[in-house]
PDB file of N, CA and C in Angstrom:
ATOM      1  N   MET A   1     -42.809  37.560 -59.662  1.00  0.00           N
ATOM      2  CA  MET A   1     -44.188  37.713 -59.297  1.00  0.00           C
ATOM      3  C   MET A   1     -44.760  39.005 -59.895  1.00  0.00           C
ATOM      4  N   HIS A   2     -44.010  40.089 -59.798  1.00  0.00           N
ATOM      5  CA  HIS A   2     -44.499  41.371 -60.305  1.00  0.00           C
ATOM      6  C   HIS A   2     -44.731  41.327 -61.820  1.00  0.00           C
ATOM      7  N   LEU A   3     -43.852  40.645 -62.539  1.00  0.00           N
ATOM      8  CA  LEU A   3     -44.008  40.564 -63.991  1.00  0.00           C
ATOM      9  C   LEU A   3     -45.304  39.844 -64.351  1.00  0.00           C
ATOM     10  N   HIS A   4     -45.578  38.724 -63.709  1.00  0.00           N
ATOM     11  CA  HIS A   4     -46.788  37.957 -64.011  1.00  0.00           C
ATOM     12  C   HIS A   4     -48.049  38.647 -63.506  1.00  0.00           C
ATOM     13  N   ALA A   5     -47.898  39.518 -62.524  1.00  0.00           N
ATOM     14  CA  ALA A   5     -49.033  40.300 -62.029  1.00  0.00           C
ATOM     15  C   ALA A   5     -49.221  41.580 -62.839  1.00  0.00           C
ATOM     16  N   MET A   6     -48.399  41.755 -63.874  1.00  0.00           N
ATOM     17  CA  MET A   6     -48.427  42.913 -64.763  1.00  0.00           C
ATOM     18  C   MET A   6     -48.159  44.223 -64.016  1.00  0.00           C
ATOM     19  N   GLU A   7     -47.336  44.151 -62.994  1.00  0.00           N
ATOM     20  CA  GLU A   7     -46.893  45.319 -62.238  1.00  0.00           C
ATOM     21  C   GLU A   7     -45.507  45.688 -62.770  1.00  0.00           C
ATOM     22  N   PHE A   8     -45.497  46.178 -64.014  1.00  0.00           N
ATOM     23  CA  PHE A   8     -44.258  46.396 -64.750  1.00  0.00           C
ATOM     24  C   PHE A   8     -43.387  47.487 -64.146  1.00  0.00           C
ATOM     25  N   ALA A   9     -43.990  48.529 -63.633  1.00  0.00           N
ATOM     26  CA  ALA A   9     -43.213  49.588 -62.988  1.00  0.00           C
ATOM     27  C   ALA A   9     -42.498  49.038 -61.756  1.00  0.00           C
ATOM     28  N   GLY A  10     -43.144  48.135 -61.046  1.00  0.00           N
ATOM     29  CA  GLY A  10     -42.519  47.499 -59.882  1.00  0.00           C
ATOM     30  C   GLY A  10     -41.339  46.639 -60.276  1.00  0.00           C
ATOM     31  N   VAL A  11     -41.474  45.916 -61.377  1.00  0.00           N
ATOM     32  CA  VAL A  11     -40.364  45.098 -61.883  1.00  0.00           C
ATOM     33  C   VAL A  11     -39.163  45.994 -62.177  1.00  0.00           C
ATOM     34  N   LEU A  12     -39.406  47.087 -62.863  1.00  0.00           N
ATOM     35  CA  LEU A  12     -38.320  47.996 -63.220  1.00  0.00           C
ATOM     36  C   LEU A  12     -37.674  48.603 -61.984  1.00  0.00           C
ATOM     37  N   ALA A  13     -38.466  48.976 -61.004  1.00  0.00           N
ATOM     38  CA  ALA A  13     -37.914  49.569 -59.783  1.00  0.00           C
ATOM     39  C   ALA A  13     -37.022  48.572 -59.049  1.00  0.00           C
ATOM     40  N   ILE A  14     -37.478  47.339 -58.940  1.00  0.00           N
ATOM     41  CA  ILE A  14     -36.685  46.311 -58.266  1.00  0.00           C
ATOM     42  C   ILE A  14     -35.395  46.033 -59.030  1.00  0.00           C
ATOM     43  N   CYS A  15     -35.514  45.867 -60.336  1.00  0.00           N
ATOM     44  CA  CYS A  15     -34.340  45.531 -61.150  1.00  0.00           C
ATOM     45  C   CYS A  15     -33.345  46.673 -61.216  1.00  0.00           C
ATOM     46  N   GLU A  16     -33.825  47.901 -61.318  1.00  0.00           N
ATOM     47  CA  GLU A  16     -32.918  49.050 -61.360  1.00  0.00           C
ATOM     48  C   GLU A  16     -32.142  49.183 -60.059  1.00  0.00           C
ATOM     49  N   ALA A  17     -32.756  48.785 -58.956  1.00  0.00           N
ATOM     50  CA  ALA A  17     -32.060  48.823 -57.673  1.00  0.00           C
ATOM     51  C   ALA A  17     -31.085  47.654 -57.532  1.00  0.00           C
ATOM     52  N   ALA A  18     -31.428  46.510 -58.124  1.00  0.00           N
ATOM     53  CA  ALA A  18     -30.623  45.300 -57.941  1.00  0.00           C
ATOM     54  C   ALA A  18     -29.446  45.190 -58.896  1.00  0.00           C
ATOM     55  N   VAL A  19     -29.619  45.549 -60.159  1.00  0.00           N
ATOM     56  CA  VAL A  19     -28.570  45.331 -61.168  1.00  0.00           C
ATOM     57  C   VAL A  19     -27.232  45.971 -60.776  1.00  0.00           C
ATOM     58  N   PRO A  20     -27.192  47.192 -60.256  1.00  0.00           N
ATOM     59  CA  PRO A  20     -25.883  47.777 -59.914  1.00  0.00           C
ATOM     60  C   PRO A  20     -25.107  46.987 -58.852  1.00  0.00           C
ATOM     61  N   VAL A  21     -25.782  46.318 -57.960  1.00  0.00           N
ATOM     62  CA  VAL A  21     -25.083  45.568 -56.910  1.00  0.00           C
ATOM     63  C   VAL A  21     -24.787  44.129 -57.325  1.00  0.00           C
ATOM     64  N   LEU A  22     -25.203  43.763 -58.523  1.00  0.00           N
ATOM     65  CA  LEU A  22     -24.988  42.404 -59.006  1.00  0.00           C
ATOM     66  C   LEU A  22     -23.851  42.309 -60.015  1.00  0.00           C
ATOM     67  N   GLY A  23     -22.908  43.224 -59.955  1.00  0.00           N
ATOM     68  CA  GLY A  23     -21.805  43.245 -60.907  1.00  0.00           C
ATOM     69  C   GLY A  23     -20.738  42.202 -60.655  1.00  0.00           C
ATOM     70  N   ASP A  24     -20.676  41.659 -59.461  1.00  0.00           N
ATOM     71  CA  ASP A  24     -19.687  40.637 -59.134  1.00  0.00           C
ATOM     72  C   ASP A  24     -19.941  39.381 -59.965  1.00  0.00           C
ATOM     73  N   PRO A  25     -18.903  38.781 -60.539  1.00  0.00           N
ATOM     74  CA  PRO A  25     -19.094  37.593 -61.384  1.00  0.00           C
ATOM     75  C   PRO A  25     -19.844  36.446 -60.695  1.00  0.00           C
ATOM     76  N   SER A  26     -19.726  36.351 -59.383  1.00  0.00           N
ATOM     77  CA  SER A  26     -20.433  35.278 -58.674  1.00  0.00           C
ATOM     78  C   SER A  26     -21.947  35.503 -58.658  1.00  0.00           C
ATOM     79  N   ARG A  27     -22.381  36.684 -59.035  1.00  0.00           N
ATOM     80  CA  ARG A  27     -23.807  37.005 -59.063  1.00  0.00           C
ATOM     81  C   ARG A  27     -24.337  37.157 -60.489  1.00  0.00           C
ATOM     82  N   ALA A  28     -23.604  36.639 -61.458  1.00  0.00           N
ATOM     83  CA  ALA A  28     -23.966  36.805 -62.867  1.00  0.00           C
ATOM     84  C   ALA A  28     -25.348  36.240 -63.186  1.00  0.00           C
ATOM     85  N   ALA A  29     -25.694  35.108 -62.593  1.00  0.00           N
ATOM     86  CA  ALA A  29     -27.011  34.505 -62.869  1.00  0.00           C
ATOM     87  C   ALA A  29     -28.137  35.435 -62.429  1.00  0.00           C
ATOM     88  N   TRP A  30     -27.979  36.059 -61.267  1.00  0.00           N
ATOM     89  CA  TRP A  30     -29.011  36.976 -60.767  1.00  0.00           C
ATOM     90  C   TRP A  30     -29.059  38.250 -61.603  1.00  0.00           C
ATOM     91  N   ARG A  31     -27.900  38.722 -62.041  1.00  0.00           N
ATOM     92  CA  ARG A  31     -27.857  39.917 -62.888  1.00  0.00           C
ATOM     93  C   ARG A  31     -28.607  39.668 -64.189  1.00  0.00           C
ATOM     94  N   ARG A  32     -28.357  38.535 -64.818  1.00  0.00           N
ATOM     95  CA  ARG A  32     -29.033  38.194 -66.074  1.00  0.00           C
ATOM     96  C   ARG A  32     -30.531  38.037 -65.865  1.00  0.00           C
ATOM     97  N   PHE A  33     -30.897  37.467 -64.739  1.00  0.00           N
ATOM     98  CA  PHE A  33     -32.315  37.309 -64.428  1.00  0.00           C
ATOM     99  C   PHE A  33     -32.983  38.682 -64.322  1.00  0.00           C
ATOM    100  N   CYS A  34     -32.326  39.610 -63.655  1.00  0.00           N
ATOM    101  CA  CYS A  34     -32.873  40.975 -63.539  1.00  0.00           C
ATOM    102  C   CYS A  34     -32.943  41.663 -64.897  1.00  0.00           C
ATOM    103  N   LEU A  35     -31.914  41.504 -65.716  1.00  0.00           N
ATOM    104  CA  LEU A  35     -31.928  42.104 -67.045  1.00  0.00           C
ATOM    105  C   LEU A  35     -33.063  41.530 -67.892  1.00  0.00           C
ATOM    106  N   ALA A  36     -33.286  40.227 -67.795  1.00  0.00           N
ATOM    107  CA  ALA A  36     -34.364  39.589 -68.547  1.00  0.00           C
ATOM    108  C   ALA A  36     -35.731  40.086 -68.080  1.00  0.00           C
ATOM    109  N   LEU A  37     -35.902  40.200 -66.774  1.00  0.00           N
ATOM    110  CA  LEU A  37     -37.171  40.701 -66.239  1.00  0.00           C
ATOM    111  C   LEU A  37     -37.387  42.160 -66.611  1.00  0.00           C
ATOM    112  N   ALA A  38     -36.340  42.970 -66.490  1.00  0.00           N
ATOM    113  CA  ALA A  38     -36.453  44.391 -66.848  1.00  0.00           C
ATOM    114  C   ALA A  38     -36.772  44.544 -68.332  1.00  0.00           C
ATOM    115  N   GLY A  39     -36.118  43.760 -69.169  1.00  0.00           N
ATOM    116  CA  GLY A  39     -36.393  43.812 -70.603  1.00  0.00           C
ATOM    117  C   GLY A  39     -37.822  43.411 -70.923  1.00  0.00           C
ATOM    118  N   SER A  40     -38.314  42.398 -70.249  1.00  0.00           N
ATOM    119  CA  SER A  40     -39.694  41.959 -70.468  1.00  0.00           C
ATOM    120  C   SER A  40     -40.683  43.020 -69.998  1.00  0.00           C
ATOM    121  N   ALA A  41     -40.387  43.654 -68.878  1.00  0.00           N
ATOM    122  CA  ALA A  41     -41.261  44.724 -68.373  1.00  0.00           C
ATOM    123  C   ALA A  41     -41.260  45.913 -69.326  1.00  0.00           C
ATOM    124  N   GLU A  42     -40.097  46.265 -69.840  1.00  0.00           N
ATOM    125  CA  GLU A  42     -40.016  47.378 -70.799  1.00  0.00           C
ATOM    126  C   GLU A  42     -40.788  47.041 -72.069  1.00  0.00           C
ATOM    127  N   THR A  43     -40.707  45.795 -72.509  1.00  0.00           N
ATOM    128  CA  THR A  43     -41.477  45.368 -73.684  1.00  0.00           C
ATOM    129  C   THR A  43     -42.966  45.560 -73.435  1.00  0.00           C
ATOM    130  N   ALA A  44     -43.414  45.117 -72.281  1.00  0.00           N
ATOM    131  CA  ALA A  44     -44.837  45.231 -71.946  1.00  0.00           C
ATOM    132  C   ALA A  44     -45.296  46.681 -71.881  1.00  0.00           C
ATOM    133  N   LEU A  45     -44.389  47.567 -71.496  1.00  0.00           N
ATOM    134  CA  LEU A  45     -44.719  48.990 -71.422  1.00  0.00           C
ATOM    135  C   LEU A  45     -44.559  49.704 -72.762  1.00  0.00           C
ATOM    136  N   GLY A  46     -44.076  48.995 -73.777  1.00  0.00           N
ATOM    137  CA  GLY A  46     -43.904  49.587 -75.101  1.00  0.00           C
ATOM    138  C   GLY A  46     -42.601  50.337 -75.288  1.00  0.00           C
ATOM    139  N   ASN A  47     -41.697  50.206 -74.339  1.00  0.00           N
ATOM    140  CA  ASN A  47     -40.390  50.860 -74.422  1.00  0.00           C
ATOM    141  C   ASN A  47     -39.405  49.911 -75.117  1.00  0.00           C
ATOM    142  N   TYR A  48     -39.600  49.714 -76.405  1.00  0.00           N
ATOM    143  CA  TYR A  48     -38.873  48.687 -77.137  1.00  0.00           C
ATOM    144  C   TYR A  48     -37.360  48.902 -77.230  1.00  0.00           C
ATOM    145  N   PRO A  49     -36.865  50.116 -77.464  1.00  0.00           N
ATOM    146  CA  PRO A  49     -35.405  50.288 -77.507  1.00  0.00           C
ATOM    147  C   PRO A  49     -34.741  49.941 -76.160  1.00  0.00           C
ATOM    148  N   ARG A  50     -35.367  50.373 -75.078  1.00  0.00           N
ATOM    149  CA  ARG A  50     -34.824  50.080 -73.735  1.00  0.00           C
ATOM    150  C   ARG A  50     -34.926  48.580 -73.450  1.00  0.00           C
ATOM    151  N   ALA A  51     -36.018  47.951 -73.868  1.00  0.00           N
ATOM    152  CA  ALA A  51     -36.190  46.510 -73.691  1.00  0.00           C
ATOM    153  C   ALA A  51     -35.091  45.752 -74.425  1.00  0.00           C
ATOM    154  N   LEU A  52     -34.847  46.137 -75.665  1.00  0.00           N
ATOM    155  CA  LEU A  52     -33.819  45.472 -76.460  1.00  0.00           C
ATOM    156  C   LEU A  52     -32.438  45.645 -75.829  1.00  0.00           C
ATOM    157  N   GLU A  53     -32.197  46.799 -75.238  1.00  0.00           N
ATOM    158  CA  GLU A  53     -30.918  47.039 -74.566  1.00  0.00           C
ATOM    159  C   GLU A  53     -30.716  46.044 -73.412  1.00  0.00           C
ATOM    160  N   HIS A  54     -31.722  45.904 -72.561  1.00  0.00           N
ATOM    161  CA  HIS A  54     -31.628  44.962 -71.430  1.00  0.00           C
ATOM    162  C   HIS A  54     -31.481  43.521 -71.918  1.00  0.00           C
ATOM    163  N   LEU A  55     -32.327  43.134 -72.857  1.00  0.00           N
ATOM    164  CA  LEU A  55     -32.328  41.754 -73.336  1.00  0.00           C
ATOM    165  C   LEU A  55     -31.036  41.429 -74.084  1.00  0.00           C
ATOM    166  N   SER A  56     -30.551  42.352 -74.879  1.00  0.00           N
ATOM    167  CA  SER A  56     -29.306  42.136 -75.611  1.00  0.00           C
ATOM    168  C   SER A  56     -28.112  42.031 -74.668  1.00  0.00           C
ATOM    169  N   THR A  57     -28.107  42.828 -73.637  1.00  0.00           N
ATOM    170  CA  THR A  57     -27.033  42.755 -72.645  1.00  0.00           C
ATOM    171  C   THR A  57     -26.996  41.377 -72.004  1.00  0.00           C
ATOM    172  N   ALA A  58     -28.157  40.869 -71.633  1.00  0.00           N
ATOM    173  CA  ALA A  58     -28.222  39.541 -71.024  1.00  0.00           C
ATOM    174  C   ALA A  58     -27.765  38.463 -72.013  1.00  0.00           C
ATOM    175  N   ILE A  59     -28.201  38.561 -73.260  1.00  0.00           N
ATOM    176  CA  ILE A  59     -27.799  37.590 -74.282  1.00  0.00           C
ATOM    177  C   ILE A  59     -26.290  37.622 -74.493  1.00  0.00           C
ATOM    178  N   ASN A  60     -25.716  38.809 -74.605  1.00  0.00           N
ATOM    179  CA  ASN A  60     -24.275  38.944 -74.809  1.00  0.00           C
ATOM    180  C   ASN A  60     -23.488  38.349 -73.641  1.00  0.00           C
ATOM    181  N   GLU A  61     -23.975  38.576 -72.421  1.00  0.00           N
ATOM    182  CA  GLU A  61     -23.305  38.002 -71.259  1.00  0.00           C
ATOM    183  C   GLU A  61     -23.391  36.473 -71.284  1.00  0.00           C
ATOM    184  N   MET A  62     -24.544  35.944 -71.669  1.00  0.00           N
ATOM    185  CA  MET A  62     -24.703  34.492 -71.749  1.00  0.00           C
ATOM    186  C   MET A  62     -23.812  33.887 -72.820  1.00  0.00           C
ATOM    187  N   ASP A  63     -23.718  34.581 -73.944  1.00  0.00           N
ATOM    188  CA  ASP A  63     -22.890  34.077 -75.041  1.00  0.00           C
ATOM    189  C   ASP A  63     -21.401  34.090 -74.699  1.00  0.00           C
ATOM    190  N   SER A  64     -20.987  35.033 -73.853  1.00  0.00           N
ATOM    191  CA  SER A  64     -19.567  35.127 -73.520  1.00  0.00           C
ATOM    192  C   SER A  64     -19.171  34.197 -72.374  1.00  0.00           C
ATOM    193  N   HIS A  65     -20.117  33.908 -71.464  1.00  0.00           N
ATOM    194  CA  HIS A  65     -19.778  33.056 -70.324  1.00  0.00           C
ATOM    195  C   HIS A  65     -21.066  32.479 -69.733  1.00  0.00           C
ATOM    196  N   ALA A  66     -21.235  31.190 -69.873  1.00  0.00           N
ATOM    197  CA  ALA A  66     -22.440  30.530 -69.365  1.00  0.00           C
ATOM    198  C   ALA A  66     -22.363  30.359 -67.843  1.00  0.00           C
ATOM    199  N   VAL A  67     -23.516  30.530 -67.205  1.00  0.00           N
ATOM    200  CA  VAL A  67     -23.634  30.273 -65.766  1.00  0.00           C
ATOM    201  C   VAL A  67     -24.915  29.486 -65.519  1.00  0.00           C
ATOM    202  N   ILE A  68     -25.070  29.047 -64.286  1.00  0.00           N
ATOM    203  CA  ILE A  68     -26.228  28.249 -63.922  1.00  0.00           C
ATOM    204  C   ILE A  68     -27.530  29.007 -64.227  1.00  0.00           C
ATOM    205  N   HIS A  69     -28.497  28.287 -64.647  1.00  0.00           N
ATOM    206  CA  HIS A  69     -29.846  28.782 -64.941  1.00  0.00           C
ATOM    207  C   HIS A  69     -29.940  29.692 -66.162  1.00  0.00           C
ATOM    208  N   ASP A  70     -28.925  29.732 -67.000  1.00  0.00           N
ATOM    209  CA  ASP A  70     -29.022  30.510 -68.243  1.00  0.00           C
ATOM    210  C   ASP A  70     -30.173  30.010 -69.109  1.00  0.00           C
ATOM    211  N   TRP A  71     -30.428  28.716 -69.086  1.00  0.00           N
ATOM    212  CA  TRP A  71     -31.516  28.147 -69.888  1.00  0.00           C
ATOM    213  C   TRP A  71     -32.849  28.772 -69.479  1.00  0.00           C
ATOM    214  N   TYR A  72     -33.030  28.980 -68.190  1.00  0.00           N
ATOM    215  CA  TYR A  72     -34.284  29.557 -67.696  1.00  0.00           C
ATOM    216  C   TYR A  72     -34.363  31.032 -68.070  1.00  0.00           C
ATOM    217  N   CYS A  73     -33.270  31.722 -67.913  1.00  0.00           N
ATOM    218  CA  CYS A  73     -33.207  33.139 -68.259  1.00  0.00           C
ATOM    219  C   CYS A  73     -33.465  33.332 -69.746  1.00  0.00           C
ATOM    220  N   ARG A  74     -32.927  32.434 -70.562  1.00  0.00           N
ATOM    221  CA  ARG A  74     -33.108  32.543 -72.008  1.00  0.00           C
ATOM    222  C   ARG A  74     -34.584  32.429 -72.388  1.00  0.00           C
ATOM    223  N   MET A  75     -35.348  31.629 -71.653  1.00  0.00           N
ATOM    224  CA  MET A  75     -36.788  31.527 -71.933  1.00  0.00           C
ATOM    225  C   MET A  75     -37.483  32.861 -71.680  1.00  0.00           C
ATOM    226  N   ILE A  76     -37.115  33.536 -70.610  1.00  0.00           N
ATOM    227  CA  ILE A  76     -37.695  34.854 -70.309  1.00  0.00           C
ATOM    228  C   ILE A  76     -37.293  35.851 -71.389  1.00  0.00           C
ATOM    229  N   ILE A  77     -36.046  35.798 -71.806  1.00  0.00           N
ATOM    230  CA  ILE A  77     -35.551  36.704 -72.854  1.00  0.00           C
ATOM    231  C   ILE A  77     -36.288  36.468 -74.170  1.00  0.00           C
ATOM    232  N   GLU A  78     -36.412  35.218 -74.549  1.00  0.00           N
ATOM    233  CA  GLU A  78     -37.117  34.891 -75.808  1.00  0.00           C
ATOM    234  C   GLU A  78     -38.568  35.361 -75.755  1.00  0.00           C
ATOM    235  N   SER A  79     -39.200  35.221 -74.621  1.00  0.00           N
ATOM    236  CA  SER A  79     -40.566  35.719 -74.455  1.00  0.00           C
ATOM    237  C   SER A  79     -40.617  37.232 -74.606  1.00  0.00           C
ATOM    238  N   GLY A  80     -39.658  37.925 -74.014  1.00  0.00           N
ATOM    239  CA  GLY A  80     -39.603  39.379 -74.135  1.00  0.00           C
ATOM    240  C   GLY A  80     -39.339  39.843 -75.556  1.00  0.00           C
ATOM    241  N   LEU A  81     -38.535  39.069 -76.279  1.00  0.00           N
ATOM    242  CA  LEU A  81     -38.234  39.436 -77.665  1.00  0.00           C
ATOM    243  C   LEU A  81     -39.434  39.208 -78.596  1.00  0.00           C
ATOM    244  N   THR A  82     -40.240  38.210 -78.294  1.00  0.00           N
ATOM    245  CA  THR A  82     -41.376  37.935 -79.173  1.00  0.00           C
ATOM    246  C   THR A  82     -42.496  38.892 -78.868  1.00  0.00           C
TER     247      THR A  82
END
C-alpha cells in the first residue's frame, strides 16, 4: 500500500524492520517481497545503487531456490529495474 501511495520512506522503514527477522528459510517468500518493495522504493527515491542491491539480492535468492509467489515478486522487481 505504501509503495502505491508513493510513501517511499515508509516502505523502507517497514522493510528495514522486517528483513532481519525474515532470515528463516520458511519466510523466504516474505523476505523477497520486502527486498522487492525496498528496491522499488529506493528506485523511486533515486537511490539506484541501493535499489540494485535489494533487487539483485532478491533475484539471486529466486535463482538459487524458488518459493511460492516468486512470479509475483519478479513482477515487482522487473518494475523496479525498469
